[in-house]
Protein backbone atom coordinates (compact mmCIF):
# COMPACT_ATOMS: atom_id res chain seq x y z
CA MET A 1 17.69 -16.73 -4.18
CA SER A 2 14.63 -15.52 -6.12
CA GLU A 3 13.02 -12.29 -5.54
CA SER A 4 10.01 -11.99 -2.96
CA THR A 5 8.03 -9.30 -1.64
CA GLY A 6 7.72 -10.53 2.24
CA ALA A 7 9.30 -13.13 4.26
CA GLY A 8 10.17 -16.57 3.16
CA SER A 9 9.53 -19.76 5.06
CA GLY A 10 12.80 -21.69 3.65
CA ARG A 11 16.01 -22.07 5.76
CA PHE A 12 19.41 -22.55 4.56
CA ALA A 13 22.23 -23.41 6.79
CA ASP A 14 25.11 -20.91 7.56
CA PHE A 15 28.29 -21.71 5.58
CA GLY A 16 30.28 -20.55 8.87
CA ARG A 17 31.84 -17.41 10.00
CA PRO A 18 31.09 -14.25 7.41
CA ARG A 19 34.44 -13.36 5.61
CA LYS A 20 36.63 -10.62 7.62
CA VAL A 21 36.09 -7.43 5.97
CA ASP A 22 38.68 -4.45 6.09
CA GLY A 23 37.33 -1.25 5.21
CA GLY A 24 33.45 -2.05 5.17
CA LEU A 25 30.63 -0.22 6.40
CA ARG A 26 30.16 -0.19 10.27
CA ALA A 27 27.52 0.61 12.42
CA ARG A 28 28.30 3.76 14.52
CA THR A 29 26.76 1.74 17.43
CA ALA A 30 27.91 -0.89 19.11
CA ARG A 31 25.55 -2.10 20.90
CA GLY A 32 21.60 -1.07 21.65
CA ALA A 33 19.24 0.45 19.40
CA ILE A 34 19.96 1.11 15.86
CA GLY A 35 18.72 4.82 14.73
CA ALA A 36 19.49 8.02 16.49
CA SER A 37 16.50 10.66 14.95
CA TRP A 38 12.72 10.17 14.71
CA TRP A 39 12.82 9.39 11.61
CA SER A 40 15.61 6.49 11.37
CA ARG A 41 14.06 4.97 14.47
CA ARG A 42 10.65 5.02 12.60
CA PHE A 43 12.21 3.11 10.05
CA VAL A 44 13.77 0.35 12.41
CA ASP A 45 10.10 0.27 14.21
CA VAL A 46 8.51 -0.20 11.02
CA LEU A 47 10.63 -2.86 9.63
CA GLU A 48 11.01 -4.57 13.13
CA SER A 49 7.30 -5.05 13.25
CA PHE A 50 7.28 -6.81 10.37
CA ALA A 51 8.15 -10.00 13.01
CA LEU A 52 11.25 -11.51 10.98
CA GLY A 53 12.90 -12.96 13.87
CA THR A 54 16.46 -13.83 14.12
CA ARG A 55 17.12 -12.97 10.99
CA LEU A 56 17.15 -9.28 12.11
CA THR A 57 19.23 -9.87 15.22
CA ARG A 58 21.78 -11.41 12.47
CA GLY A 59 21.39 -8.94 10.11
CA ARG A 60 22.73 -6.31 12.68
CA ALA A 61 25.59 -8.59 14.06
CA TYR A 62 26.40 -8.31 10.32
CA ALA A 63 26.16 -4.87 10.09
CA ARG A 64 28.17 -4.06 13.55
CA ALA A 65 30.84 -5.77 12.13
CA GLY A 66 31.46 -3.84 8.83
CA GLN A 67 30.01 -6.94 6.31
CA VAL A 68 28.40 -4.26 4.14
CA LEU A 69 31.02 -3.27 1.73
CA SER A 70 28.85 -0.35 -0.06
CA LEU A 71 25.18 1.02 -0.05
CA GLU A 72 23.36 3.50 -2.57
CA VAL A 73 19.91 5.04 -2.46
CA THR A 74 18.93 6.11 -5.77
CA PRO A 75 14.74 6.69 -6.36
CA GLY A 76 12.96 3.40 -5.84
CA VAL A 77 15.93 1.54 -5.41
CA VAL A 78 18.60 0.59 -2.17
CA ALA A 79 21.70 -1.30 -3.94
CA ALA A 80 24.43 -2.98 -1.22
CA VAL A 81 26.88 -5.22 -1.45
CA VAL A 82 27.05 -7.48 1.50
CA GLN A 83 30.42 -9.86 2.42
CA GLY A 84 29.27 -13.22 3.96
CA SER A 85 31.16 -16.67 4.21
CA ARG A 86 31.83 -17.11 0.61
CA PRO A 87 34.31 -15.77 -1.08
CA LYS A 88 32.27 -13.45 -3.01
CA PRO A 89 30.03 -11.03 -1.66
CA TYR A 90 26.98 -11.05 -2.26
CA LYS A 91 24.09 -8.52 -4.29
CA VAL A 92 21.58 -6.58 -2.21
CA THR A 93 18.81 -4.75 -3.03
CA VAL A 94 15.14 -2.85 -1.66
CA ARG A 95 12.57 -1.49 -4.02
CA LEU A 96 9.95 0.73 -2.87
CA ARG A 97 8.00 2.33 -4.87
CA PRO A 98 9.26 5.94 -5.46
CA TYR A 99 6.33 9.04 -6.03
CA ALA A 100 4.72 10.20 -9.05
CA GLU A 101 5.31 13.45 -10.05
CA PRO A 102 1.59 14.52 -9.47
CA VAL A 103 2.16 13.42 -5.75
CA TRP A 104 5.66 15.41 -5.28
CA VAL A 105 3.54 18.75 -6.68
CA ARG A 106 0.90 17.86 -3.94
CA ILE A 107 3.39 17.45 -1.20
CA GLU A 108 5.76 20.80 -2.05
CA THR A 109 2.73 22.37 -2.04
CA VAL A 110 1.63 21.98 1.47
CA LEU A 111 5.43 22.13 2.65
CA ALA A 112 5.97 25.91 0.71
CA GLY A 113 3.10 26.69 2.36
CA GLN A 114 4.76 26.03 6.06
CA ALA A 115 7.38 28.32 6.50
CA LEU A 116 8.24 26.60 9.32
CA PHE A 117 8.04 22.90 7.22
CA SER A 118 10.36 25.00 4.47
CA ALA A 119 12.89 26.51 7.27
CA GLN A 120 13.46 23.18 8.72
CA LEU A 121 13.99 21.17 5.65
CA LEU A 122 16.42 24.33 4.76
CA ALA A 123 18.08 23.67 7.35
CA GLY A 124 18.76 20.08 6.86
CA ASP A 125 16.02 18.83 9.06
CA LEU A 126 12.86 16.70 9.21
CA PRO A 127 10.08 18.13 11.16
CA PRO A 128 7.84 14.95 12.84
CA GLU A 129 5.04 16.18 11.25
CA LEU A 130 6.05 15.47 7.90
CA GLU A 131 4.84 11.80 7.90
CA GLU A 132 1.50 13.30 8.58
CA VAL A 133 2.14 15.58 5.23
CA PHE A 134 2.17 12.67 3.53
CA ALA A 135 0.09 10.33 4.93
CA GLU A 136 -2.70 13.34 3.73
CA ALA A 137 -1.37 13.49 -0.13
CA ASP A 138 -2.02 9.14 0.28
CA ALA A 139 1.67 8.85 0.31
CA PRO A 140 3.17 7.16 2.93
CA LEU A 141 6.24 8.34 4.12
CA PHE A 142 7.22 4.82 5.41
CA PRO A 143 6.55 0.94 4.00
CA ALA A 144 3.08 0.19 5.67
CA THR A 145 4.02 -3.65 5.36
CA VAL A 146 6.66 -5.85 4.28
CA ASP A 147 5.01 -6.21 0.91
CA ASP A 148 5.49 -2.71 -0.09
CA LEU A 149 9.31 -3.58 -0.24
CA THR A 150 10.62 -5.99 -3.17
CA MET A 151 13.98 -7.37 -1.77
CA ARG A 152 16.44 -9.32 -3.55
CA CYS A 153 19.97 -11.04 -2.76
CA ASP A 154 21.61 -13.13 -4.21
CA CYS A 155 22.57 -15.82 -1.69
CA PRO A 156 20.98 -19.28 -1.22
CA ASP A 157 19.41 -18.58 1.70
CA PHE A 158 15.68 -19.00 1.26
CA ALA A 159 14.24 -16.75 3.50
CA VAL A 160 13.35 -13.06 2.42
CA PRO A 161 14.78 -11.11 3.61
CA CYS A 162 18.22 -12.86 4.75
CA LYS A 163 20.72 -11.75 6.95
CA HIS A 164 22.69 -9.56 4.26
CA LEU A 165 19.20 -7.84 3.78
CA ALA A 166 18.99 -7.26 7.01
CA ALA A 167 22.25 -5.88 8.33
CA SER A 168 22.08 -3.55 4.46
CA PHE A 169 18.17 -2.44 6.13
CA TYR A 170 20.00 -1.52 9.23
CA LEU A 171 22.95 0.29 7.71
CA LEU A 172 19.91 2.29 5.38
CA ALA A 173 18.91 3.27 8.82
CA GLU A 174 22.08 5.08 9.92
CA ALA A 175 22.30 6.78 6.59
CA PHE A 176 18.83 8.21 6.91
CA ASP A 177 20.61 9.52 10.33
CA ALA A 178 23.59 11.19 8.67
CA ASP A 179 21.66 13.02 5.61
CA PRO A 180 17.86 12.11 6.30
CA PHE A 181 16.81 13.32 2.54
CA GLN A 182 18.09 10.52 1.44
CA LEU A 183 14.79 8.94 3.33
CA LEU A 184 13.19 11.36 0.53
CA HIS A 185 15.26 10.44 -2.62
CA TRP A 186 14.39 7.38 -1.78
CA ARG A 187 10.93 8.28 -2.47
CA GLY A 188 11.62 9.91 -5.70
CA ARG A 189 13.28 13.59 -4.49
CA THR A 190 17.04 14.55 -4.33
CA ARG A 191 17.51 17.08 -1.32
CA ASP A 192 18.68 19.78 -4.41
CA GLU A 193 15.35 18.86 -6.37
CA LEU A 194 13.09 19.42 -3.40
CA LEU A 195 15.04 22.58 -1.87
CA ASP A 196 15.45 24.55 -5.13
CA ARG A 197 11.22 23.88 -5.65
CA LEU A 198 10.31 24.94 -2.20
CA ARG A 199 12.63 27.79 -2.33
CA THR A 200 11.06 29.02 -5.79
CA ARG A 201 7.54 28.22 -4.31
CA ARG A 202 8.42 30.34 -1.41
CA ALA A 203 9.83 33.03 -3.28
CA LYS A 204 6.44 33.28 -5.61
CA GLY A 205 4.31 33.57 -2.28
CA THR A 206 1.20 31.45 -3.60
CA PRO A 207 1.43 28.43 -5.38
CA SER A 208 0.52 29.10 -8.67
CA GLU A 209 1.82 25.93 -10.80
CA PRO A 210 -0.76 23.89 -12.15
CA VAL A 211 -0.80 20.60 -10.83
CA PRO A 212 -1.32 17.79 -13.24
CA ALA A 213 -3.69 15.06 -13.16
CA VAL A 214 -3.23 12.50 -10.63
CA SER A 215 -4.83 9.19 -10.37
CA ALA A 216 -8.26 8.08 -9.37
CA SER A 217 -6.58 6.61 -6.33
CA VAL A 218 -5.24 9.99 -4.83
CA GLU A 219 -7.95 11.96 -3.07
CA PRO A 220 -7.34 15.75 -3.70
CA LEU A 221 -6.16 17.68 -0.39
CA PRO A 222 -8.71 19.75 1.66
CA GLY A 223 -8.06 23.50 -0.40
CA THR A 224 -7.46 21.90 -3.93
CA ALA A 225 -9.58 24.02 -6.08
CA GLY A 226 -9.69 24.32 -9.95
CA SER A 227 -6.04 23.31 -11.71
CA ALA A 228 -3.73 25.15 -8.93
CA VAL A 229 -3.20 24.02 -5.40
CA ALA A 230 -3.89 26.28 -2.40
CA ALA A 231 -1.75 24.88 0.36
CA PRO A 232 -3.98 23.56 3.54
CA SER A 233 -3.33 24.78 6.96
CA VAL A 234 -1.82 22.45 9.25
CA GLY A 235 -0.34 22.40 12.45
CA ALA A 236 -1.07 25.77 14.39
CA GLU A 237 -1.94 27.90 11.38
CA LEU A 238 -5.19 25.33 11.19
CA ALA A 239 -5.70 25.41 15.29
CA LEU A 240 -5.39 29.30 15.70
CA ALA A 241 -7.33 30.01 11.70
CA ASP A 242 -10.74 31.40 13.52
CA LEU A 243 -10.06 32.91 16.42
CA PRO A 244 -10.56 36.43 16.93
CA ASP A 245 -7.34 38.91 17.89
CA ALA A 246 -7.89 39.62 21.61
CA ALA A 247 -6.19 42.60 23.14
CA LEU A 248 -3.41 41.53 25.45
CA ASP A 249 -4.56 42.97 28.45
CA THR A 250 -8.01 41.24 28.52
CA ALA A 251 -6.02 37.44 27.85
CA ILE A 252 -2.57 38.18 29.94
CA ASP A 253 -4.46 35.60 32.71
CA ARG A 254 -4.74 32.65 29.88
CA PHE A 255 -1.20 33.63 28.11
CA TRP A 256 0.29 30.43 29.08
CA LEU A 257 -2.67 28.16 27.88
CA PRO A 258 -3.47 26.72 24.60
CA PRO A 259 -6.20 29.06 23.11
CA VAL A 260 -7.72 25.82 21.82
CA PRO A 261 -7.50 22.46 22.37
CA LEU A 262 -4.00 20.81 20.94
CA PRO A 263 -4.00 18.87 18.31
CA ASP A 264 -3.46 15.02 18.09
CA PRO A 265 0.31 14.10 18.22
CA ALA A 266 2.40 12.55 15.30
CA PRO A 267 1.06 9.26 14.80
CA ILE A 268 2.82 6.76 16.56
CA LEU A 269 3.42 2.73 15.41
CA ALA A 270 0.74 0.58 16.90
CA THR A 271 2.43 -3.17 17.79
CA GLU A 272 1.48 -6.52 19.73
CA PRO A 273 2.44 -6.90 23.12
CA ASP A 274 4.15 -9.78 22.62
CA LEU A 275 5.75 -8.17 19.45
CA LEU A 276 9.30 -8.68 21.14
CA LEU A 277 8.86 -12.08 22.02
CA ARG A 278 8.45 -12.89 18.25
CA GLN A 279 11.40 -11.09 17.54
CA LEU A 280 13.49 -13.41 19.10
CA GLY A 281 14.39 -17.04 19.71
CA ALA A 282 12.96 -19.62 22.53
CA PRO A 283 15.43 -19.21 25.07
CA ALA A 284 17.32 -22.34 25.91
CA ALA A 285 15.59 -25.27 27.96
CA ALA A 286 17.56 -23.95 31.24
CA ILE A 287 15.64 -20.81 31.79
CA GLY A 288 12.45 -22.80 30.31
CA GLY A 289 12.12 -22.88 26.60
CA PRO A 290 9.01 -22.38 24.71
CA GLY A 291 7.03 -22.82 27.85
CA LEU A 292 8.23 -19.65 29.15
CA VAL A 293 7.59 -17.96 25.92
CA GLU A 294 4.30 -18.67 26.03
CA ARG A 295 3.40 -17.82 29.46
CA LEU A 296 5.20 -14.48 28.54
CA ARG A 297 3.18 -13.98 25.92
CA ARG A 298 -0.20 -14.52 27.97
CA ALA A 299 1.97 -11.92 30.61
CA TYR A 300 2.10 -9.15 28.60
CA ALA A 301 -1.47 -9.73 26.55
CA ARG A 302 -2.89 -9.24 30.24
CA PHE A 303 -0.39 -6.50 30.79
CA GLY A 304 -1.45 -4.78 27.68
CA GLN A 305 -4.81 -4.77 28.78
CA PRO A 306 -6.39 -1.42 29.49
CA GLU A 307 -7.41 -0.91 32.89
CA GLN A 308 -11.30 -1.46 34.08
């Protein structure tokens, strides 16, 4: 199959049931949604928002049957081997542009400037605010569109992604569950590299490393001046920065109230009301067929309208 960055329009008849695999990578969830942590669920939500239809359903079945023989994450590339119906397994690659060194320096400067972020990362957790930090650096943590991904599988199916690619995506989401730093590794930083840099910056107290020149498409972060970057305030530090100190006895009645309006929540994925309908195939004629899908689509659109 030729390389593509988006969903193809071709179809290829299945050769039959996939060959049984012993010792393959099997999804831990036997039913329901795949992905337990916020970052793996976010990755799956983004993937499913591309409305790739029943290919994702078949890929999920492959992932749960253990058809993925291997999965490896390296900067910019996820490589997998998937057993299909033919004797020779298929080779799968999914490419996502890793971030350049100047972008990583900017991200690390912000992370090191926030004690909570550093503590969570050093503990092996990804704070939900991490997505906002990457967005502020003009470096989205997750692919924004299907065109951000370059997908290739050497199976004869012309659809992109095929079920072998889709199975790899779901196993990748579970790999992110097991080790969240795999997501950052895909973007260009290994766990050890990132944590070592954060420890070094935290030990210095204030960032002093000059920031390399960045491309014109990347806007400077707030607080940037000269050749060194001062970590901008974010989260609670930003909200409380301009508040005067108040004696406890004069503020005790407001102890449980926020001193300023709470910041906006972390961004969530906005989707169309009929996303689920576009993911599923047409129902059988006995329960309404394509006509039922259209009636449900109109109903979902009506339910999704704000109240007057």
